[in-house]
Protein backbone atom coordinates (compact mmCIF):
# COMPACT_ATOMS: atom_id res chain seq x y z
CA UNK A 1 0.00 0.00 0.02
CA UNK A 2 1.25 3.38 -0.88
CA UNK A 3 0.46 5.82 2.10
CA UNK A 4 0.80 9.57 2.01
CA UNK A 5 3.27 9.51 5.00
CA UNK A 6 5.53 6.94 6.67
CA UNK A 7 4.54 4.65 9.50
CA UNK A 8 0.77 4.94 9.50
CA UNK A 9 -1.60 3.51 12.25
CA UNK A 10 -4.09 1.51 10.09
CA UNK A 11 -7.51 0.00 10.80
CA UNK A 12 -9.48 -2.35 8.52
CA UNK A 13 -13.09 -1.35 7.63
CA UNK A 14 -15.90 -3.12 5.89
CA UNK A 15 -18.66 -1.14 4.20
CA UNK A 16 -22.02 -2.51 5.53
CA UNK A 17 -25.52 -2.11 4.14
CA UNK A 18 -26.20 0.38 7.05
CA UNK A 19 -23.42 2.57 5.67
CA UNK A 20 -25.17 3.07 2.36
CA UNK A 21 -27.29 6.11 1.54
CA UNK A 22 -29.96 6.74 -1.05
CA UNK A 23 -27.40 7.23 -3.74
CA UNK A 24 -26.03 3.77 -3.28
CA UNK A 25 -22.66 4.54 -1.80
CA UNK A 26 -21.33 5.03 1.74
CA UNK A 27 -22.86 8.23 3.25
CA UNK A 28 -20.45 11.03 4.02
CA UNK A 29 -21.43 11.05 7.67
CA UNK A 30 -20.25 7.37 7.87
CA UNK A 31 -16.76 8.48 6.86
CA UNK A 32 -16.68 10.92 9.79
CA UNK A 33 -17.52 8.07 12.17
CA UNK A 34 -14.66 6.05 10.62
CA UNK A 35 -12.28 8.95 11.22
CA UNK A 36 -13.38 8.97 14.89
CA UNK A 37 -12.94 5.14 15.14
CA UNK A 38 -9.50 5.29 13.74
CA UNK A 39 -8.34 8.14 15.95
CA UNK A 40 -9.82 6.50 19.01
CA UNK A 41 -8.14 3.15 18.32
CA UNK A 42 -4.78 4.94 17.67
CA UNK A 43 -5.18 6.81 21.04
CA UNK A 44 -5.92 3.44 22.79
CA UNK A 45 -2.82 1.89 21.22
CA UNK A 46 -0.78 4.75 22.72
CA UNK A 47 -2.11 3.95 26.14
CA UNK A 48 -4.68 6.75 26.20
CA UNK A 49 -7.98 4.99 26.65
CA UNK A 50 -11.21 6.19 28.13
CA UNK A 51 -10.15 5.10 31.59
CA UNK A 52 -6.93 7.14 31.32
CA UNK A 53 -8.90 10.11 29.95
CA UNK A 54 -11.30 9.89 33.02
CA UNK A 55 -8.44 9.46 35.48
CA UNK A 56 -6.69 12.54 34.09
CA UNK A 57 -9.96 14.52 33.65
CA UNK A 58 -8.80 15.36 30.08
CA UNK A 59 -9.79 14.50 26.54
CA UNK A 60 -8.89 15.49 23.01
CA UNK A 61 -12.05 17.03 21.44
CA UNK A 62 -12.49 17.63 17.73
CA UNK A 63 -12.78 21.27 16.80
CA UNK A 64 -12.37 21.07 12.99
CA UNK A 65 -12.69 18.47 10.21
CA UNK A 66 -11.34 19.13 6.80
CA UNK A 67 -12.36 16.31 4.46
CA UNK A 68 -11.74 15.80 0.73
CA UNK A 69 -14.05 13.10 -0.57
CA UNK A 70 -12.18 11.73 -3.62
CA UNK A 71 -14.15 8.56 -4.60
CA UNK A 72 -17.06 6.50 -3.35
CA UNK A 73 -17.12 3.43 -1.16
CA UNK A 74 -19.76 0.63 -1.83
CA UNK A 75 -21.36 -2.13 0.18
CA UNK A 76 -19.15 -5.07 0.74
CA UNK A 77 -15.83 -3.33 0.07
CA UNK A 78 -12.87 -3.81 2.34
CA UNK A 79 -11.10 -0.51 3.18
CA UNK A 80 -8.11 0.64 5.19
CA UNK A 81 -7.99 3.93 7.04
CA UNK A 82 -4.65 5.27 8.21
CA UNK A 83 -3.85 8.17 10.54
CA UNK A 84 -0.80 10.08 11.61
CA UNK A 85 -0.33 12.76 14.25
CA UNK A 86 1.19 15.51 12.16
CA UNK A 87 1.24 18.43 14.54
CA UNK A 88 1.10 19.20 18.30
CA UNK A 89 1.82 22.33 20.17
CA UNK A 90 2.10 20.13 23.31
CA UNK A 91 -0.11 22.54 25.10
CA UNK A 92 -3.77 22.53 23.65
CA UNK A 93 -3.85 21.52 20.03
CA UNK A 94 -3.02 18.44 17.98
CA UNK A 95 -3.72 17.63 14.30
CA UNK A 96 -4.15 14.27 12.57
CA UNK A 97 -3.96 13.46 8.89
CA UNK A 98 -6.10 10.63 7.61
CA UNK A 99 -6.05 8.59 4.39
CA UNK A 100 -8.78 6.08 3.39
CA UNK A 101 -7.81 3.47 0.76
CA UNK A 102 -9.58 0.73 -1.07
CA UNK A 103 -6.80 -2.02 -1.31
CA UNK A 104 -8.44 -3.89 -4.17
CA UNK A 105 -7.46 -1.02 -6.67
CA UNK A 106 -5.24 1.05 -4.40
CA UNK A 107 -7.59 4.04 -4.82
CA UNK A 108 -7.52 6.72 -2.14
CA UNK A 109 -11.15 7.49 -1.33
CA UNK A 110 -10.60 10.31 1.16
CA UNK A 111 -8.00 12.51 2.73
CA UNK A 112 -8.82 14.48 5.94
CA UNK A 113 -7.26 16.67 8.57
CA UNK A 114 -8.80 16.82 12.05
CA UNK A 115 -7.79 19.35 14.70
CA UNK A 116 -8.29 18.52 18.32
CA UNK A 117 -8.09 20.66 21.46
CA UNK A 118 -7.40 19.29 24.92
CA UNK A 119 -10.34 19.84 27.29
CA UNK A 120 -11.05 19.16 30.91
CA UNK A 121 -13.77 16.54 31.03
CA UNK A 122 -15.36 17.88 34.16
CA UNK A 123 -15.89 21.43 32.70
CA UNK A 124 -15.71 20.95 28.99
CA UNK A 125 -13.37 23.86 28.81
CA UNK A 126 -9.88 23.99 27.11
CA UNK A 127 -7.12 22.92 29.37
CA UNK A 128 -3.40 22.19 28.90
CA UNK A 129 -2.36 18.68 28.02
CA UNK A 130 -1.18 16.67 30.91
CA UNK A 131 2.35 15.08 30.68
CA UNK A 132 0.63 11.78 29.88
CA UNK A 133 -0.84 13.29 26.68
CA UNK A 134 2.42 15.00 25.66
CA UNK A 135 4.44 11.80 26.04
CA UNK A 136 1.64 9.42 24.75
CA UNK A 137 0.71 11.28 21.68
CA UNK A 138 4.30 12.63 21.34
CA UNK A 139 5.56 9.10 20.59
CA UNK A 140 3.36 9.11 17.45
CA UNK A 141 4.06 12.65 16.34
CA UNK A 142 5.71 12.71 12.95
CA UNK A 143 8.97 14.56 12.72
CA UNK A 144 8.77 17.54 10.27
CA UNK A 145 10.58 16.87 7.01
CA UNK A 146 13.98 18.63 6.70
């Protein structure tokens, strides 16, 4: 598979009948749920699961999605969704890049960028990242190209 960036975190997806809209392809809202699923699984793989979020009273909340829908997905197709953490100010903000690919023809169906802000769960207000977030997400942060 040719990915946009090196060392992706990848999940496998299957397009189900429930994902299909009246136009016969996966609904755009389903793609957003796939982005969330991929980001969450990546966070969990970094040791930042819901229990840790609750213990720290912190979470990374979406403040912006930028999505380029490049091709359609259809029922029964197997897909792969990759993510990378491409930016972090290690205070409040973090950005992920996503690429959705159909392996059967190597077609990229979607590219997206999502910006997250660290919030305090108990208040919902922005709050600095705890050291656990800086270290956990930091291990997956791509180094800028020289």
